[in-house]
């Protein structure tokens, strides 16, 4: 059978066009998870920080909060999601900041 899907609401603050992908194990949706800074493959590029993932509740799916600085360079940024209780890998968040006019 296909893997279970995790519905996630994304709250995004950005002046640029942005694509977001969240890949978190569905069984961890109601846990407290921490998103590490989203980093580019270019170590000279500043990471996107302050990304938060609110746990699911009985009435709402998990909610991802991302604020993209207005001067963030175009590119793909990836961060690891960690289960706070166990310290183990729980998934990833990928944000792609698109070039103007893309």
N, C-alpha and C. Protein backbone atom coordinates (compact mmCIF):
# COMPACT_ATOMS: atom_id res chain seq x y z
N UNK A 1 0.83 -1.20 0.00
CA UNK A 1 0.00 0.00 0.00
C UNK A 1 0.87 1.26 0.00
N UNK A 2 0.35 2.36 -0.55
CA UNK A 2 1.14 3.60 -0.55
C UNK A 2 1.34 4.11 0.87
N UNK A 3 2.41 4.86 1.12
CA UNK A 3 2.65 5.37 2.46
C UNK A 3 1.55 6.35 2.86
N UNK A 4 1.29 6.41 4.16
CA UNK A 4 0.29 7.35 4.66
C UNK A 4 0.73 8.77 4.38
N UNK A 5 -0.22 9.64 4.20
CA UNK A 5 0.06 11.06 3.93
C UNK A 5 -0.22 11.88 5.18
N UNK A 6 0.55 12.93 5.36
CA UNK A 6 0.36 13.84 6.48
C UNK A 6 -0.06 15.19 5.92
N UNK A 7 -1.31 15.57 6.16
CA UNK A 7 -1.77 16.89 5.73
C UNK A 7 -1.16 17.94 6.67
N UNK A 8 -0.67 19.02 6.10
CA UNK A 8 -0.03 20.08 6.88
C UNK A 8 -0.49 21.42 6.36
N UNK A 9 -0.81 22.33 7.27
CA UNK A 9 -1.13 23.70 6.90
C UNK A 9 0.16 24.50 6.95
N UNK A 10 0.42 25.31 5.94
CA UNK A 10 1.64 26.12 5.89
C UNK A 10 1.26 27.58 6.01
N UNK A 11 1.85 28.27 6.98
CA UNK A 11 1.69 29.71 7.09
C UNK A 11 3.02 30.33 6.66
N UNK A 12 2.99 31.09 5.59
CA UNK A 12 4.21 31.56 4.96
C UNK A 12 4.18 33.08 4.86
N UNK A 13 5.26 33.70 5.30
CA UNK A 13 5.43 35.14 5.14
C UNK A 13 6.62 35.35 4.21
N UNK A 14 6.35 35.86 2.99
CA UNK A 14 7.43 36.04 2.02
C UNK A 14 7.01 37.05 0.98
N UNK A 15 7.98 37.82 0.51
CA UNK A 15 7.74 38.74 -0.61
C UNK A 15 8.04 38.05 -1.94
N UNK A 16 8.81 36.98 -1.89
CA UNK A 16 9.17 36.25 -3.10
C UNK A 16 8.21 35.08 -3.30
N UNK A 17 8.20 34.53 -4.50
CA UNK A 17 7.48 33.28 -4.74
C UNK A 17 8.27 32.16 -4.09
N UNK A 18 7.55 31.26 -3.42
CA UNK A 18 8.19 30.21 -2.64
C UNK A 18 7.41 28.92 -2.79
N UNK A 19 8.11 27.79 -2.84
CA UNK A 19 7.49 26.47 -2.78
C UNK A 19 7.93 25.80 -1.49
N UNK A 20 7.02 25.06 -0.85
CA UNK A 20 7.31 24.42 0.43
C UNK A 20 6.94 22.94 0.36
N UNK A 21 7.81 22.08 0.88
CA UNK A 21 7.51 20.65 0.99
C UNK A 21 7.80 20.22 2.43
N UNK A 22 6.86 19.49 3.01
CA UNK A 22 7.02 18.97 4.37
C UNK A 22 6.93 17.46 4.28
N UNK A 23 7.92 16.78 4.83
CA UNK A 23 7.93 15.32 4.84
C UNK A 23 8.18 14.87 6.28
N UNK A 24 7.09 14.58 6.99
CA UNK A 24 7.18 14.15 8.39
C UNK A 24 6.38 12.87 8.54
N UNK A 25 6.90 11.95 9.32
CA UNK A 25 6.20 10.69 9.56
C UNK A 25 4.83 10.98 10.18
N UNK A 26 3.75 10.49 9.59
CA UNK A 26 2.40 10.79 10.08
C UNK A 26 2.19 10.43 11.55
N UNK A 27 2.84 9.39 12.02
CA UNK A 27 2.65 8.98 13.42
C UNK A 27 3.25 9.98 14.40
N UNK A 28 4.03 10.94 13.90
CA UNK A 28 4.63 11.96 14.76
C UNK A 28 3.90 13.30 14.68
N UNK A 29 2.78 13.34 13.98
CA UNK A 29 2.07 14.61 13.73
C UNK A 29 1.64 15.32 15.00
N UNK A 30 1.36 14.58 16.06
CA UNK A 30 0.89 15.23 17.29
C UNK A 30 2.01 15.41 18.31
N UNK A 31 3.23 15.15 17.92
CA UNK A 31 4.39 15.30 18.83
C UNK A 31 4.97 16.71 18.70
N UNK A 32 5.75 17.10 19.69
CA UNK A 32 6.48 18.36 19.61
C UNK A 32 7.73 18.13 18.79
N UNK A 33 7.82 18.83 17.66
CA UNK A 33 8.92 18.65 16.72
C UNK A 33 9.65 19.98 16.54
N UNK A 34 10.95 19.92 16.37
CA UNK A 34 11.76 21.11 16.11
C UNK A 34 12.31 21.04 14.70
N UNK A 35 12.20 22.18 13.99
CA UNK A 35 12.76 22.28 12.65
C UNK A 35 14.10 23.00 12.76
N UNK A 36 15.16 22.34 12.35
CA UNK A 36 16.48 22.95 12.34
C UNK A 36 16.51 24.05 11.27
N UNK A 37 17.46 25.00 11.35
CA UNK A 37 17.55 26.03 10.31
C UNK A 37 17.62 25.40 8.91
N UNK A 38 16.94 26.06 7.97
CA UNK A 38 16.92 25.57 6.60
C UNK A 38 18.17 26.08 5.89
N UNK A 39 18.98 25.16 5.40
CA UNK A 39 20.28 25.52 4.83
C UNK A 39 20.32 25.25 3.34
N UNK A 40 21.07 26.09 2.66
CA UNK A 40 21.34 25.96 1.24
C UNK A 40 22.55 25.04 1.06
N UNK A 41 22.71 24.52 -0.14
CA UNK A 41 23.92 23.73 -0.43
C UNK A 41 25.16 24.62 -0.42
N UNK A 42 24.96 25.93 -0.59
CA UNK A 42 26.06 26.89 -0.56
C UNK A 42 26.27 27.36 0.87
N UNK A 43 27.35 26.96 1.53
CA UNK A 43 27.55 27.33 2.93
C UNK A 43 27.68 28.83 3.17
N UNK A 44 27.93 29.61 2.11
CA UNK A 44 28.05 31.06 2.25
C UNK A 44 26.68 31.75 2.30
N UNK A 45 25.62 31.02 1.97
CA UNK A 45 24.27 31.59 1.97
C UNK A 45 23.66 31.45 3.36
N UNK A 46 23.10 32.55 3.85
CA UNK A 46 22.49 32.55 5.19
C UNK A 46 21.31 31.57 5.23
N UNK A 47 21.18 30.81 6.33
CA UNK A 47 20.06 29.89 6.46
C UNK A 47 18.76 30.64 6.75
N UNK A 48 17.65 29.97 6.56
CA UNK A 48 16.35 30.48 6.96
C UNK A 48 16.10 29.94 8.37
N UNK A 49 15.93 30.85 9.32
CA UNK A 49 15.78 30.45 10.73
C UNK A 49 14.37 30.77 11.23
N UNK A 50 14.06 30.25 12.39
CA UNK A 50 12.77 30.54 13.01
C UNK A 50 11.61 29.77 12.43
N UNK A 51 11.88 28.68 11.74
CA UNK A 51 10.82 27.84 11.19
C UNK A 51 10.23 27.03 12.34
N UNK A 52 8.90 27.03 12.45
CA UNK A 52 8.23 26.30 13.54
C UNK A 52 7.20 25.34 12.97
N UNK A 53 7.06 24.20 13.63
CA UNK A 53 6.05 23.22 13.26
C UNK A 53 5.19 22.96 14.49
N UNK A 54 3.95 23.45 14.46
CA UNK A 54 3.03 23.22 15.57
C UNK A 54 2.44 21.81 15.44
N UNK A 55 2.32 21.09 16.56
CA UNK A 55 1.74 19.75 16.49
C UNK A 55 0.27 19.77 16.07
N UNK A 56 -0.18 18.65 15.54
CA UNK A 56 -1.60 18.49 15.22
C UNK A 56 -2.40 18.47 16.51
N UNK A 57 -3.66 18.86 16.39
CA UNK A 57 -4.60 18.76 17.51
C UNK A 57 -5.76 17.88 17.06
N UNK A 58 -6.72 17.69 17.94
CA UNK A 58 -7.88 16.88 17.59
C UNK A 58 -8.68 17.50 16.44
N UNK A 59 -8.55 18.80 16.26
CA UNK A 59 -9.36 19.49 15.25
C UNK A 59 -8.54 20.14 14.13
N UNK A 60 -7.22 20.05 14.18
CA UNK A 60 -6.41 20.73 13.16
C UNK A 60 -5.16 19.93 12.83
N UNK A 61 -4.73 19.98 11.56
CA UNK A 61 -3.49 19.30 11.18
C UNK A 61 -2.29 20.09 11.70
N UNK A 62 -1.09 19.53 11.58
CA UNK A 62 0.10 20.30 11.97
C UNK A 62 0.16 21.59 11.15
N UNK A 63 0.78 22.60 11.73
CA UNK A 63 0.88 23.91 11.07
C UNK A 63 2.35 24.33 11.04
N UNK A 64 2.85 24.57 9.83
CA UNK A 64 4.23 24.99 9.63
C UNK A 64 4.26 26.50 9.45
N UNK A 65 5.13 27.18 10.20
CA UNK A 65 5.31 28.64 10.10
C UNK A 65 6.69 28.91 9.52
N UNK A 66 6.73 29.67 8.43
CA UNK A 66 8.00 30.01 7.76
C UNK A 66 7.96 31.49 7.42
N UNK A 67 9.00 32.22 7.80
CA UNK A 67 9.15 33.62 7.40
C UNK A 67 10.42 33.74 6.56
N UNK A 68 10.27 34.14 5.33
CA UNK A 68 11.40 34.27 4.42
C UNK A 68 11.86 35.73 4.43
N UNK A 69 13.10 36.01 4.80
CA UNK A 69 13.58 37.39 4.73
C UNK A 69 13.47 37.93 3.30
N UNK A 70 13.15 39.21 3.14
CA UNK A 70 12.96 39.75 1.79
C UNK A 70 14.22 39.69 0.92
N UNK A 71 15.39 39.62 1.53
CA UNK A 71 16.62 39.57 0.75
C UNK A 71 17.20 38.15 0.64
N UNK A 72 16.39 37.14 0.98
CA UNK A 72 16.88 35.76 0.91
C UNK A 72 17.16 35.40 -0.54
N UNK A 73 18.36 34.91 -0.86
CA UNK A 73 18.67 34.54 -2.24
C UNK A 73 17.82 33.37 -2.73
N UNK A 74 17.54 33.38 -4.02
CA UNK A 74 16.83 32.26 -4.63
C UNK A 74 17.64 30.99 -4.42
N UNK A 75 16.94 29.88 -4.24
CA UNK A 75 17.61 28.59 -4.06
C UNK A 75 16.76 27.67 -3.22
N UNK A 76 17.26 26.46 -3.01
CA UNK A 76 16.57 25.45 -2.21
C UNK A 76 17.24 25.34 -0.86
N UNK A 77 16.41 25.33 0.18
CA UNK A 77 16.87 25.28 1.57
C UNK A 77 16.20 24.09 2.25
N UNK A 78 16.98 23.29 2.96
CA UNK A 78 16.47 22.07 3.58
C UNK A 78 16.83 22.08 5.07
N UNK A 79 15.86 21.67 5.90
CA UNK A 79 16.11 21.54 7.32
C UNK A 79 15.59 20.22 7.84
N UNK A 80 16.26 19.70 8.84
CA UNK A 80 15.86 18.43 9.46
C UNK A 80 14.83 18.72 10.54
N UNK A 81 13.84 17.84 10.64
CA UNK A 81 12.84 17.90 11.70
C UNK A 81 13.20 16.84 12.73
N UNK A 82 13.24 17.25 14.00
CA UNK A 82 13.66 16.36 15.08
C UNK A 82 12.52 16.21 16.08
N UNK A 83 12.28 14.99 16.53
CA UNK A 83 11.31 14.72 17.60
C UNK A 83 11.94 15.16 18.92
N UNK A 84 11.34 16.16 19.57
CA UNK A 84 11.91 16.70 20.80
C UNK A 84 12.04 15.65 21.91
N UNK A 85 11.07 14.75 22.01
CA UNK A 85 11.07 13.77 23.10
C UNK A 85 12.22 12.77 22.99
N UNK A 86 12.49 12.32 21.76
CA UNK A 86 13.51 11.28 21.58
C UNK A 86 14.82 11.80 21.00
N UNK A 87 14.78 13.00 20.39
CA UNK A 87 15.96 13.52 19.71
C UNK A 87 16.22 12.86 18.37
N UNK A 88 15.28 12.09 17.90
CA UNK A 88 15.47 11.34 16.66
C UNK A 88 14.94 12.09 15.45
N UNK A 89 15.49 11.74 14.29
CA UNK A 89 15.06 12.28 13.01
C UNK A 89 13.58 12.00 12.81
N UNK A 90 12.81 13.03 12.40
CA UNK A 90 11.38 12.87 12.19
C UNK A 90 10.96 13.23 10.77
N UNK A 91 11.85 13.91 10.02
CA UNK A 91 11.49 14.28 8.66
C UNK A 91 12.30 15.47 8.18
N UNK A 92 11.79 16.12 7.14
CA UNK A 92 12.46 17.27 6.56
C UNK A 92 11.46 18.34 6.16
N UNK A 93 11.95 19.57 6.07
CA UNK A 93 11.21 20.68 5.48
C UNK A 93 12.10 21.24 4.38
N UNK A 94 11.54 21.42 3.19
CA UNK A 94 12.26 21.98 2.06
C UNK A 94 11.52 23.22 1.57
N UNK A 95 12.25 24.32 1.47
CA UNK A 95 11.71 25.56 0.95
C UNK A 95 12.53 25.96 -0.27
N UNK A 96 11.86 26.23 -1.35
CA UNK A 96 12.54 26.72 -2.55
C UNK A 96 12.09 28.15 -2.79
N UNK A 97 13.06 29.07 -2.67
CA UNK A 97 12.81 30.48 -2.97
C UNK A 97 13.08 30.64 -4.46
N UNK A 98 12.05 31.06 -5.18
CA UNK A 98 12.15 31.15 -6.63
C UNK A 98 12.75 32.49 -7.05
N UNK A 99 13.49 32.47 -8.13
CA UNK A 99 14.05 33.70 -8.69
C UNK A 99 12.91 34.58 -9.21
N UNK A 100 13.08 35.87 -9.15
CA UNK A 100 12.07 36.80 -9.63
C UNK A 100 11.68 36.43 -11.07
N UNK A 101 10.38 36.35 -11.31
CA UNK A 101 9.89 36.03 -12.65
C UNK A 101 9.89 34.56 -12.98
N UNK A 102 10.27 33.71 -12.04
CA UNK A 102 10.32 32.26 -12.32
C UNK A 102 8.93 31.65 -12.29
